[in-house]
C-alpha atoms as a PDB file:
ATOM      1  CA  MET A   1     122.796  62.821 112.127  1.00  0.00           C
ATOM      2  CA  GLY A   2     125.597  60.440 109.522  1.00  0.00           C
ATOM      3  CA  ASP A   3     126.371  58.239 112.586  1.00  0.00           C
ATOM      4  CA  ARG A   4     125.409  54.161 112.141  1.00  0.00           C
ATOM      5  CA  TRP A   5     123.353  52.813 115.306  1.00  0.00           C
ATOM      6  CA  ARG A   6     122.858  49.248 116.593  1.00  0.00           C
ATOM      7  CA  ILE A   7     118.905  48.687 117.326  1.00  0.00           C
ATOM      8  CA  GLU A   8     117.992  46.123 120.107  1.00  0.00           C
ATOM      9  CA  VAL A   9     114.510  45.284 121.044  1.00  0.00           C
ATOM     10  CA  ASP A  10     114.000  44.104 124.507  1.00  0.00           C
ATOM     11  CA  ARG A  11     111.450  40.782 124.107  1.00  0.00           C
ATOM     12  CA  GLY A  12     111.843  40.632 127.676  1.00  0.00           C
ATOM     13  CA  VAL A  13     110.504  43.877 128.334  1.00  0.00           C
ATOM     14  CA  CYS A  14     108.217  45.117 124.900  1.00  0.00           C
ATOM     15  CA  ILE A  15     104.676  44.272 125.866  1.00  0.00           C
ATOM     16  CA  GLY A  16     103.700  45.127 121.887  1.00  0.00           C
ATOM     17  CA  SER A  17     102.143  48.546 122.592  1.00  0.00           C
ATOM     18  CA  GLY A  18     102.353  49.062 119.143  1.00  0.00           C
ATOM     19  CA  LEU A  19     104.000  53.241 119.508  1.00  0.00           C
ATOM     20  CA  CYS A  20     107.812  52.471 117.610  1.00  0.00           C
ATOM     21  CA  ALA A  21     106.383  50.732 114.586  1.00  0.00           C
ATOM     22  CA  SER A  22     103.352  53.629 114.286  1.00  0.00           C
ATOM     23  CA  THR A  23     106.695  55.991 114.825  1.00  0.00           C
ATOM     24  CA  ALA A  24     109.102  54.493 112.772  1.00  0.00           C
ATOM     25  CA  PRO A  25     107.632  51.825 110.250  1.00  0.00           C
ATOM     26  CA  ASP A  26     110.418  51.867 108.840  1.00  0.00           C
ATOM     27  CA  GLY A  27     112.584  51.054 111.912  1.00  0.00           C
ATOM     28  CA  PHE A  28     109.918  48.181 113.244  1.00  0.00           C
ATOM     29  CA  ARG A  29     107.926  45.617 113.084  1.00  0.00           C
ATOM     30  CA  LEU A  30     105.270  43.921 115.275  1.00  0.00           C
ATOM     31  CA  ASP A  31     105.062  40.399 114.789  1.00  0.00           C
ATOM     32  CA  THR A  32     101.989  38.281 114.864  1.00  0.00           C
ATOM     33  CA  ALA A  33     102.845  37.395 118.602  1.00  0.00           C
ATOM     34  CA  ARG A  34     102.724  41.934 118.883  1.00  0.00           C
ATOM     35  CA  GLN A  35     106.049  41.862 119.901  1.00  0.00           C
ATOM     36  CA  SER A  36     108.495  44.606 118.652  1.00  0.00           C
ATOM     37  CA  HIS A  37     111.677  43.852 117.138  1.00  0.00           C
ATOM     38  CA  PRO A  38     113.898  46.103 114.123  1.00  0.00           C
ATOM     39  CA  VAL A  39     113.989  46.722 110.695  1.00  0.00           C
ATOM     40  CA  ALA A  40     117.188  46.153 110.565  1.00  0.00           C
ATOM     41  CA  ALA A  41     119.660  45.607 113.157  1.00  0.00           C
ATOM     42  CA  GLU A  42     122.343  48.635 112.103  1.00  0.00           C
ATOM     43  CA  ALA A  43     120.648  50.929 110.232  1.00  0.00           C
ATOM     44  CA  ASP A  44     121.747  55.181 109.770  1.00  0.00           C
ATOM     45  CA  ALA A  45     120.517  57.256 112.002  1.00  0.00           C
ATOM     46  CA  SER A  46     117.446  58.866 112.577  1.00  0.00           C
ATOM     47  CA  GLU A  47     116.054  61.065 114.202  1.00  0.00           C
ATOM     48  CA  ALA A  48     112.719  58.570 113.042  1.00  0.00           C
ATOM     49  CA  VAL A  49     114.308  55.941 115.764  1.00  0.00           C
ATOM     50  CA  LEU A  50     115.203  58.242 118.143  1.00  0.00           C
ATOM     51  CA  ALA A  51     111.829  58.904 118.833  1.00  0.00           C
ATOM     52  CA  ALA A  52     110.706  55.356 119.143  1.00  0.00           C
ATOM     53  CA  ALA A  53     113.037  54.363 121.398  1.00  0.00           C
ATOM     54  CA  GLU A  54     112.406  57.347 123.711  1.00  0.00           C
ATOM     55  CA  GLY A  55     108.501  57.338 123.085  1.00  0.00           C
ATOM     56  CA  CYS A  56     108.646  53.158 124.439  1.00  0.00           C
ATOM     57  CA  PRO A  57     106.263  53.088 127.322  1.00  0.00           C
ATOM     58  CA  VAL A  58     109.076  50.195 129.069  1.00  0.00           C
ATOM     59  CA  GLU A  59     112.427  51.163 127.542  1.00  0.00           C
ATOM     60  CA  ALA A  60     112.853  47.727 125.535  1.00  0.00           C
ATOM     61  CA  ILE A  61     114.768  49.656 123.025  1.00  0.00           C
ATOM     62  CA  ALA A  62     118.539  50.567 123.673  1.00  0.00           C
ATOM     63  CA  ILE A  63     120.804  52.196 120.633  1.00  0.00           C
ATOM     64  CA  ARG A  64     124.615  52.268 120.252  1.00  0.00           C
ATOM     65  CA  LEU A  65     126.732  54.087 117.624  1.00  0.00           C
ATOM     66  CA  GLN A  66     128.550  51.120 115.547  1.00  0.00           C
ATOM     67  CA  ARG A  67     131.192  52.921 115.821  1.00  0.00           C
ATOM     68  CA  ASP A  68     133.349  54.701 119.020  1.00  0.00           C
ATOM     69  CA  GLY A  69     132.759  51.092 120.994  1.00  0.00           C
ATOM     70  CA  GLY A  70     129.384  51.210 121.339  1.00  0.00           C
ATOM     71  CA  GLU A  71     128.165  54.236 122.671  1.00  0.00           C
ATOM     72  CA  GLN A  72     125.094  54.239 123.943  1.00  0.00           C
ATOM     73  CA  VAL A  73     122.910  56.873 122.389  1.00  0.00           C
ATOM     74  CA  PHE A  74     119.749  56.135 123.512  1.00  0.00           C
ATOM     75  CA  PRO A  75     118.585  55.494 126.974  1.00  0.00           C
ATOM     76  CA  PRO A  76     121.412  57.764 128.276  1.00  0.00           C
ATOM     77  CA  ASP A  77     123.754  56.777 130.153  1.00  0.00           C
ATOM     78  CA  GLU A  78     122.785  57.779 133.912  1.00  0.00           C
END
């Protein structure tokens, strides 16, 4: 993909399903409260991280490009 992403998890929305951590273990971790957080706030674009965001049952994960004014990658603008 070649881009750099900013990855955020809305901890007020996260239900701690762990799907993100199992889909992209290098991208997400669950803390002791079973809340997800990105391993790094900024990372290279990754199919696994995108799949984790798309698979989140409550859409708690947001991905934006670091460049181009932070264009939203996921969830898509509607």
